[in-house]
PDB file of all heavy atoms in Angstrom:
ATOM      1  N   ARG A   1      15.770 -16.832  -4.089  1.00  0.00           N
ATOM      2  CA  ARG A   1      14.291 -16.771  -4.442  1.00  0.00           C
ATOM      3  C   ARG A   1      13.721 -15.345  -3.881  1.00  0.00           C
ATOM      4  O   ARG A   1      12.858 -14.865  -4.661  1.00  0.00           O
ATOM      5  CB  ARG A   1      13.581 -17.889  -3.684  1.00  0.00           C
ATOM      6  CG  ARG A   1      12.054 -18.003  -4.043  1.00  0.00           C
ATOM      7  CD  ARG A   1      11.438 -19.235  -3.410  1.00  0.00           C
ATOM      8  NE  ARG A   1      11.958 -20.435  -3.962  1.00  0.00           N
ATOM      9  CZ  ARG A   1      12.749 -21.311  -3.245  1.00  0.00           C
ATOM     10  NH1 ARG A   1      13.065 -21.017  -2.028  1.00  0.00           N
ATOM     11  NH2 ARG A   1      13.190 -22.403  -3.893  1.00  0.00           N
ATOM     12  N   GLN A   2      14.241 -14.877  -2.824  1.00  0.00           N
ATOM     13  CA  GLN A   2      13.732 -13.499  -2.441  1.00  0.00           C
ATOM     14  C   GLN A   2      14.265 -12.504  -3.445  1.00  0.00           C
ATOM     15  O   GLN A   2      13.568 -11.560  -3.721  1.00  0.00           O
ATOM     16  CB  GLN A   2      14.318 -13.234  -1.010  1.00  0.00           C
ATOM     17  CG  GLN A   2      13.715 -14.079   0.069  1.00  0.00           C
ATOM     18  CD  GLN A   2      12.190 -13.812   0.289  1.00  0.00           C
ATOM     19  OE1 GLN A   2      11.784 -12.703   0.202  1.00  0.00           O
ATOM     20  NE2 GLN A   2      11.452 -14.846   0.478  1.00  0.00           N
ATOM     21  N   ALA A   3      15.562 -12.670  -3.837  1.00  0.00           N
ATOM     22  CA  ALA A   3      16.095 -11.670  -4.770  1.00  0.00           C
ATOM     23  C   ALA A   3      15.315 -11.630  -6.153  1.00  0.00           C
ATOM     24  O   ALA A   3      15.114 -10.661  -6.864  1.00  0.00           O
ATOM     25  CB  ALA A   3      17.526 -11.978  -5.105  1.00  0.00           C
ATOM     26  N   MET A   4      14.804 -12.885  -6.595  1.00  0.00           N
ATOM     27  CA  MET A   4      14.101 -12.985  -7.848  1.00  0.00           C
ATOM     28  C   MET A   4      12.750 -12.201  -7.911  1.00  0.00           C
ATOM     29  O   MET A   4      12.278 -11.876  -8.870  1.00  0.00           O
ATOM     30  CB  MET A   4      13.785 -14.391  -8.168  1.00  0.00           C
ATOM     31  CG  MET A   4      14.974 -15.143  -8.752  1.00  0.00           C
ATOM     32  SD  MET A   4      14.505 -16.822  -9.253  1.00  0.00           S
ATOM     33  CE  MET A   4      16.145 -17.347  -9.837  1.00  0.00           C
ATOM     34  N   LYS A   5      12.275 -11.854  -6.730  1.00  0.00           N
ATOM     35  CA  LYS A   5      10.996 -11.073  -6.621  1.00  0.00           C
ATOM     36  C   LYS A   5      11.233  -9.728  -7.338  1.00  0.00           C
ATOM     37  O   LYS A   5      10.242  -9.080  -7.638  1.00  0.00           O
ATOM     38  CB  LYS A   5      10.576 -10.931  -5.208  1.00  0.00           C
ATOM     39  CG  LYS A   5      10.092 -12.174  -4.584  1.00  0.00           C
ATOM     40  CD  LYS A   5       9.603 -11.990  -3.177  1.00  0.00           C
ATOM     41  CE  LYS A   5       9.049 -13.329  -2.556  1.00  0.00           C
ATOM     42  NZ  LYS A   5       8.561 -13.085  -1.211  1.00  0.00           N
ATOM     43  N   ASP A   6      12.485  -9.244  -7.305  1.00  0.00           N
ATOM     44  CA  ASP A   6      12.760  -7.909  -7.987  1.00  0.00           C
ATOM     45  C   ASP A   6      12.791  -8.041  -9.561  1.00  0.00           C
ATOM     46  O   ASP A   6      12.738  -7.049 -10.217  1.00  0.00           O
ATOM     47  CB  ASP A   6      14.152  -7.380  -7.574  1.00  0.00           C
ATOM     48  CG  ASP A   6      14.195  -7.057  -6.084  1.00  0.00           C
ATOM     49  OD1 ASP A   6      13.086  -6.663  -5.554  1.00  0.00           O
ATOM     50  OD2 ASP A   6      15.209  -7.106  -5.420  1.00  0.00           O
ATOM     51  N   PHE A   7      12.747  -9.274 -10.083  1.00  0.00           N
ATOM     52  CA  PHE A   7      12.774  -9.472 -11.537  1.00  0.00           C
ATOM     53  C   PHE A   7      11.365  -9.954 -11.879  1.00  0.00           C
ATOM     54  O   PHE A   7      10.969 -11.099 -11.574  1.00  0.00           O
ATOM     55  CB  PHE A   7      13.923 -10.503 -11.775  1.00  0.00           C
ATOM     56  CG  PHE A   7      15.232 -10.052 -11.708  1.00  0.00           C
ATOM     57  CD1 PHE A   7      15.894 -10.407 -10.509  1.00  0.00           C
ATOM     58  CD2 PHE A   7      15.919  -9.292 -12.677  1.00  0.00           C
ATOM     59  CE1 PHE A   7      17.264  -9.944 -10.212  1.00  0.00           C
ATOM     60  CE2 PHE A   7      17.239  -8.822 -12.396  1.00  0.00           C
ATOM     61  CZ  PHE A   7      17.851  -9.224 -11.223  1.00  0.00           C
ATOM     62  N   THR A   8      10.687  -9.110 -12.621  1.00  0.00           N
ATOM     63  CA  THR A   8       9.275  -9.426 -12.926  1.00  0.00           C
ATOM     64  C   THR A   8       9.078 -10.578 -13.869  1.00  0.00           C
ATOM     65  O   THR A   8       7.930 -11.061 -13.904  1.00  0.00           O
ATOM     66  CB  THR A   8       8.564  -8.158 -13.412  1.00  0.00           C
ATOM     67  OG1 THR A   8       9.303  -7.667 -14.577  1.00  0.00           O
ATOM     68  CG2 THR A   8       8.563  -7.087 -12.331  1.00  0.00           C
ATOM     69  N   HIS A   9      10.090 -10.881 -14.619  1.00  0.00           N
ATOM     70  CA  HIS A   9       9.976 -12.015 -15.544  1.00  0.00           C
ATOM     71  C   HIS A   9      10.203 -13.347 -14.980  1.00  0.00           C
ATOM     72  O   HIS A   9      10.275 -14.348 -15.622  1.00  0.00           O
ATOM     73  CB  HIS A   9      10.887 -11.806 -16.726  1.00  0.00           C
ATOM     74  CG  HIS A   9      10.499 -10.765 -17.644  1.00  0.00           C
ATOM     75  ND1 HIS A   9       9.304 -10.792 -18.339  1.00  0.00           N
ATOM     76  CD2 HIS A   9      11.064  -9.564 -18.099  1.00  0.00           C
ATOM     77  CE1 HIS A   9       9.049  -9.753 -19.138  1.00  0.00           C
ATOM     78  NE2 HIS A   9      10.167  -9.002 -18.957  1.00  0.00           N
ATOM     79  N   PHE A  10      10.309 -13.522 -13.631  1.00  0.00           N
ATOM     80  CA  PHE A  10      10.337 -14.740 -12.988  1.00  0.00           C
ATOM     81  C   PHE A  10       9.226 -14.804 -11.861  1.00  0.00           C
ATOM     82  O   PHE A  10       8.990 -13.839 -11.187  1.00  0.00           O
ATOM     83  CB  PHE A  10      11.739 -14.896 -12.142  1.00  0.00           C
ATOM     84  CG  PHE A  10      12.930 -15.039 -13.170  1.00  0.00           C
ATOM     85  CD1 PHE A  10      13.664 -13.927 -13.418  1.00  0.00           C
ATOM     86  CD2 PHE A  10      13.173 -16.210 -13.756  1.00  0.00           C
ATOM     87  CE1 PHE A  10      14.745 -13.962 -14.313  1.00  0.00           C
ATOM     88  CE2 PHE A  10      14.278 -16.315 -14.623  1.00  0.00           C
ATOM     89  CZ  PHE A  10      15.062 -15.170 -14.906  1.00  0.00           C
ATOM     90  N   ASP A  11       8.667 -15.996 -11.710  1.00  0.00           N
ATOM     91  CA  ASP A  11       7.665 -16.182 -10.732  1.00  0.00           C
ATOM     92  C   ASP A  11       8.364 -16.584  -9.377  1.00  0.00           C
ATOM     93  O   ASP A  11       9.594 -16.591  -9.253  1.00  0.00           O
ATOM     94  CB  ASP A  11       6.554 -17.185 -11.008  1.00  0.00           C
ATOM     95  CG  ASP A  11       7.238 -18.622 -11.306  1.00  0.00           C
ATOM     96  OD1 ASP A  11       8.339 -18.890 -10.861  1.00  0.00           O
ATOM     97  OD2 ASP A  11       6.626 -19.467 -11.996  1.00  0.00           O
ATOM     98  N   ASP A  12       7.649 -16.892  -8.300  1.00  0.00           N
ATOM     99  CA  ASP A  12       8.223 -17.235  -6.971  1.00  0.00           C
ATOM    100  C   ASP A  12       9.020 -18.445  -6.992  1.00  0.00           C
ATOM    101  O   ASP A  12       9.889 -18.667  -6.123  1.00  0.00           O
ATOM    102  CB  ASP A  12       7.067 -17.318  -5.995  1.00  0.00           C
ATOM    103  CG  ASP A  12       6.371 -16.056  -5.742  1.00  0.00           C
ATOM    104  OD1 ASP A  12       6.940 -14.938  -5.951  1.00  0.00           O
ATOM    105  OD2 ASP A  12       5.269 -16.006  -5.155  1.00  0.00           O
ATOM    106  N   GLN A  13       8.867 -19.318  -7.999  1.00  0.00           N
ATOM    107  CA  GLN A  13       9.616 -20.575  -8.102  1.00  0.00           C
ATOM    108  C   GLN A  13      10.854 -20.406  -9.079  1.00  0.00           C
ATOM    109  O   GLN A  13      11.568 -21.334  -9.401  1.00  0.00           O
ATOM    110  CB  GLN A  13       8.704 -21.703  -8.590  1.00  0.00           C
ATOM    111  CG  GLN A  13       7.836 -22.272  -7.595  1.00  0.00           C
ATOM    112  CD  GLN A  13       6.646 -21.335  -7.322  1.00  0.00           C
ATOM    113  OE1 GLN A  13       6.043 -20.771  -8.227  1.00  0.00           O
ATOM    114  NE2 GLN A  13       6.392 -21.077  -6.010  1.00  0.00           N
ATOM    115  N   GLY A  14      10.981 -19.214  -9.621  1.00  0.00           N
ATOM    116  CA  GLY A  14      12.087 -18.933 -10.541  1.00  0.00           C
ATOM    117  C   GLY A  14      11.828 -19.352 -11.945  1.00  0.00           C
ATOM    118  O   GLY A  14      12.798 -19.412 -12.819  1.00  0.00           O
ATOM    119  N   ASN A  15      10.607 -19.581 -12.231  1.00  0.00           N
ATOM    120  CA  ASN A  15      10.283 -19.971 -13.631  1.00  0.00           C
ATOM    121  C   ASN A  15      10.032 -18.697 -14.483  1.00  0.00           C
ATOM    122  O   ASN A  15       9.441 -17.696 -13.976  1.00  0.00           O
ATOM    123  CB  ASN A  15       9.019 -20.852 -13.685  1.00  0.00           C
ATOM    124  CG  ASN A  15       9.154 -22.170 -12.903  1.00  0.00           C
ATOM    125  OD1 ASN A  15      10.147 -22.816 -13.137  1.00  0.00           O
ATOM    126  ND2 ASN A  15       8.255 -22.465 -12.070  1.00  0.00           N
ATOM    127  N   ALA A  16      10.411 -18.775 -15.694  1.00  0.00           N
ATOM    128  CA  ALA A  16      10.212 -17.643 -16.575  1.00  0.00           C
ATOM    129  C   ALA A  16       8.719 -17.385 -16.934  1.00  0.00           C
ATOM    130  O   ALA A  16       7.894 -18.374 -16.913  1.00  0.00           O
ATOM    131  CB  ALA A  16      10.922 -17.764 -17.969  1.00  0.00           C
ATOM    132  N   ARG A  17       8.341 -16.122 -17.053  1.00  0.00           N
ATOM    133  CA  ARG A  17       6.938 -15.851 -17.335  1.00  0.00           C
ATOM    134  C   ARG A  17       6.781 -14.492 -18.086  1.00  0.00           C
ATOM    135  O   ARG A  17       7.787 -13.700 -18.001  1.00  0.00           O
ATOM    136  CB  ARG A  17       6.127 -15.711 -16.050  1.00  0.00           C
ATOM    137  CG  ARG A  17       6.505 -14.578 -15.194  1.00  0.00           C
ATOM    138  CD  ARG A  17       5.660 -14.267 -13.967  1.00  0.00           C
ATOM    139  NE  ARG A  17       5.968 -13.137 -13.259  1.00  0.00           N
ATOM    140  CZ  ARG A  17       5.385 -12.720 -12.140  1.00  0.00           C
ATOM    141  NH1 ARG A  17       4.372 -13.382 -11.628  1.00  0.00           N
ATOM    142  NH2 ARG A  17       5.840 -11.583 -11.415  1.00  0.00           N
ATOM    143  N   MET A  18       5.677 -14.379 -18.747  1.00  0.00           N
ATOM    144  CA  MET A  18       5.461 -13.017 -19.381  1.00  0.00           C
ATOM    145  C   MET A  18       4.554 -12.290 -18.364  1.00  0.00           C
ATOM    146  O   MET A  18       3.571 -12.849 -17.764  1.00  0.00           O
ATOM    147  CB  MET A  18       4.599 -13.191 -20.678  1.00  0.00           C
ATOM    148  CG  MET A  18       4.168 -11.871 -21.234  1.00  0.00           C
ATOM    149  SD  MET A  18       3.169 -12.062 -22.778  1.00  0.00           S
ATOM    150  CE  MET A  18       4.448 -12.411 -23.985  1.00  0.00           C
ATOM    151  N   VAL A  19       4.982 -11.034 -18.055  1.00  0.00           N
ATOM    152  CA  VAL A  19       4.445 -10.283 -17.004  1.00  0.00           C
ATOM    153  C   VAL A  19       2.917  -9.937 -17.264  1.00  0.00           C
ATOM    154  O   VAL A  19       2.650  -9.553 -18.453  1.00  0.00           O
ATOM    155  CB  VAL A  19       5.139  -8.951 -16.748  1.00  0.00           C
ATOM    156  CG1 VAL A  19       4.525  -7.991 -15.658  1.00  0.00           C
ATOM    157  CG2 VAL A  19       6.541  -9.271 -16.338  1.00  0.00           C
ATOM    158  N   ASP A  20       2.056 -10.075 -16.397  1.00  0.00           N
ATOM    159  CA  ASP A  20       0.590  -9.714 -16.570  1.00  0.00           C
ATOM    160  C   ASP A  20       0.466  -8.237 -16.376  1.00  0.00           C
ATOM    161  O   ASP A  20       0.656  -7.662 -15.275  1.00  0.00           O
ATOM    162  CB  ASP A  20      -0.195 -10.469 -15.528  1.00  0.00           C
ATOM    163  CG  ASP A  20      -1.777 -10.172 -15.737  1.00  0.00           C
ATOM    164  OD1 ASP A  20      -2.125  -9.445 -16.641  1.00  0.00           O
ATOM    165  OD2 ASP A  20      -2.469 -10.745 -14.848  1.00  0.00           O
ATOM    166  N   VAL A  21       0.166  -7.539 -17.489  1.00  0.00           N
ATOM    167  CA  VAL A  21      -0.017  -6.062 -17.440  1.00  0.00           C
ATOM    168  C   VAL A  21      -1.493  -5.697 -17.616  1.00  0.00           C
ATOM    169  O   VAL A  21      -1.804  -4.538 -17.868  1.00  0.00           O
ATOM    170  CB  VAL A  21       0.824  -5.364 -18.587  1.00  0.00           C
ATOM    171  CG1 VAL A  21       2.332  -5.691 -18.357  1.00  0.00           C
ATOM    172  CG2 VAL A  21       0.316  -5.995 -19.918  1.00  0.00           C
ATOM    173  N   SER A  22      -2.330  -6.692 -17.354  1.00  0.00           N
ATOM    174  CA  SER A  22      -3.842  -6.332 -17.565  1.00  0.00           C
ATOM    175  C   SER A  22      -4.327  -5.252 -16.653  1.00  0.00           C
ATOM    176  O   SER A  22      -5.384  -4.565 -17.006  1.00  0.00           O
ATOM    177  CB  SER A  22      -4.628  -7.617 -17.451  1.00  0.00           C
ATOM    178  OG  SER A  22      -4.423  -8.217 -16.139  1.00  0.00           O
ATOM    179  N   ALA A  23      -3.773  -5.045 -15.502  1.00  0.00           N
ATOM    180  CA  ALA A  23      -4.284  -4.145 -14.545  1.00  0.00           C
ATOM    181  C   ALA A  23      -3.757  -2.711 -14.772  1.00  0.00           C
ATOM    182  O   ALA A  23      -4.119  -1.706 -14.094  1.00  0.00           O
ATOM    183  CB  ALA A  23      -3.925  -4.575 -13.130  1.00  0.00           C
ATOM    184  N   LYS A  24      -2.730  -2.620 -15.681  1.00  0.00           N
ATOM    185  CA  LYS A  24      -2.056  -1.387 -15.962  1.00  0.00           C
ATOM    186  C   LYS A  24      -2.913  -0.395 -16.817  1.00  0.00           C
ATOM    187  O   LYS A  24      -3.638  -0.940 -17.744  1.00  0.00           O
ATOM    188  CB  LYS A  24      -0.654  -1.572 -16.561  1.00  0.00           C
ATOM    189  CG  LYS A  24       0.319  -2.036 -15.623  1.00  0.00           C
ATOM    190  CD  LYS A  24       1.622  -2.172 -16.363  1.00  0.00           C
ATOM    191  CE  LYS A  24       2.740  -2.663 -15.317  1.00  0.00           C
ATOM    192  NZ  LYS A  24       4.026  -2.684 -15.963  1.00  0.00           N
ATOM    193  N   GLN A  25      -2.814   0.879 -16.541  1.00  0.00           N
ATOM    194  CA  GLN A  25      -3.537   1.806 -17.469  1.00  0.00           C
ATOM    195  C   GLN A  25      -2.744   2.073 -18.775  1.00  0.00           C
ATOM    196  O   GLN A  25      -1.548   2.089 -18.674  1.00  0.00           O
ATOM    197  CB  GLN A  25      -3.731   3.104 -16.777  1.00  0.00           C
ATOM    198  CG  GLN A  25      -4.684   2.992 -15.518  1.00  0.00           C
ATOM    199  CD  GLN A  25      -6.127   2.695 -15.867  1.00  0.00           C
ATOM    200  OE1 GLN A  25      -6.670   3.039 -16.939  1.00  0.00           O
ATOM    201  NE2 GLN A  25      -6.685   1.808 -15.079  1.00  0.00           N
TER     202      GLN A  25
END
């Protein structure tokens, strides 16, 4: 679970997600 934090397409529970890029310029 700690290692998954390096993979942005997984949340803290290991579920797949689309990365939120709304804060990026």
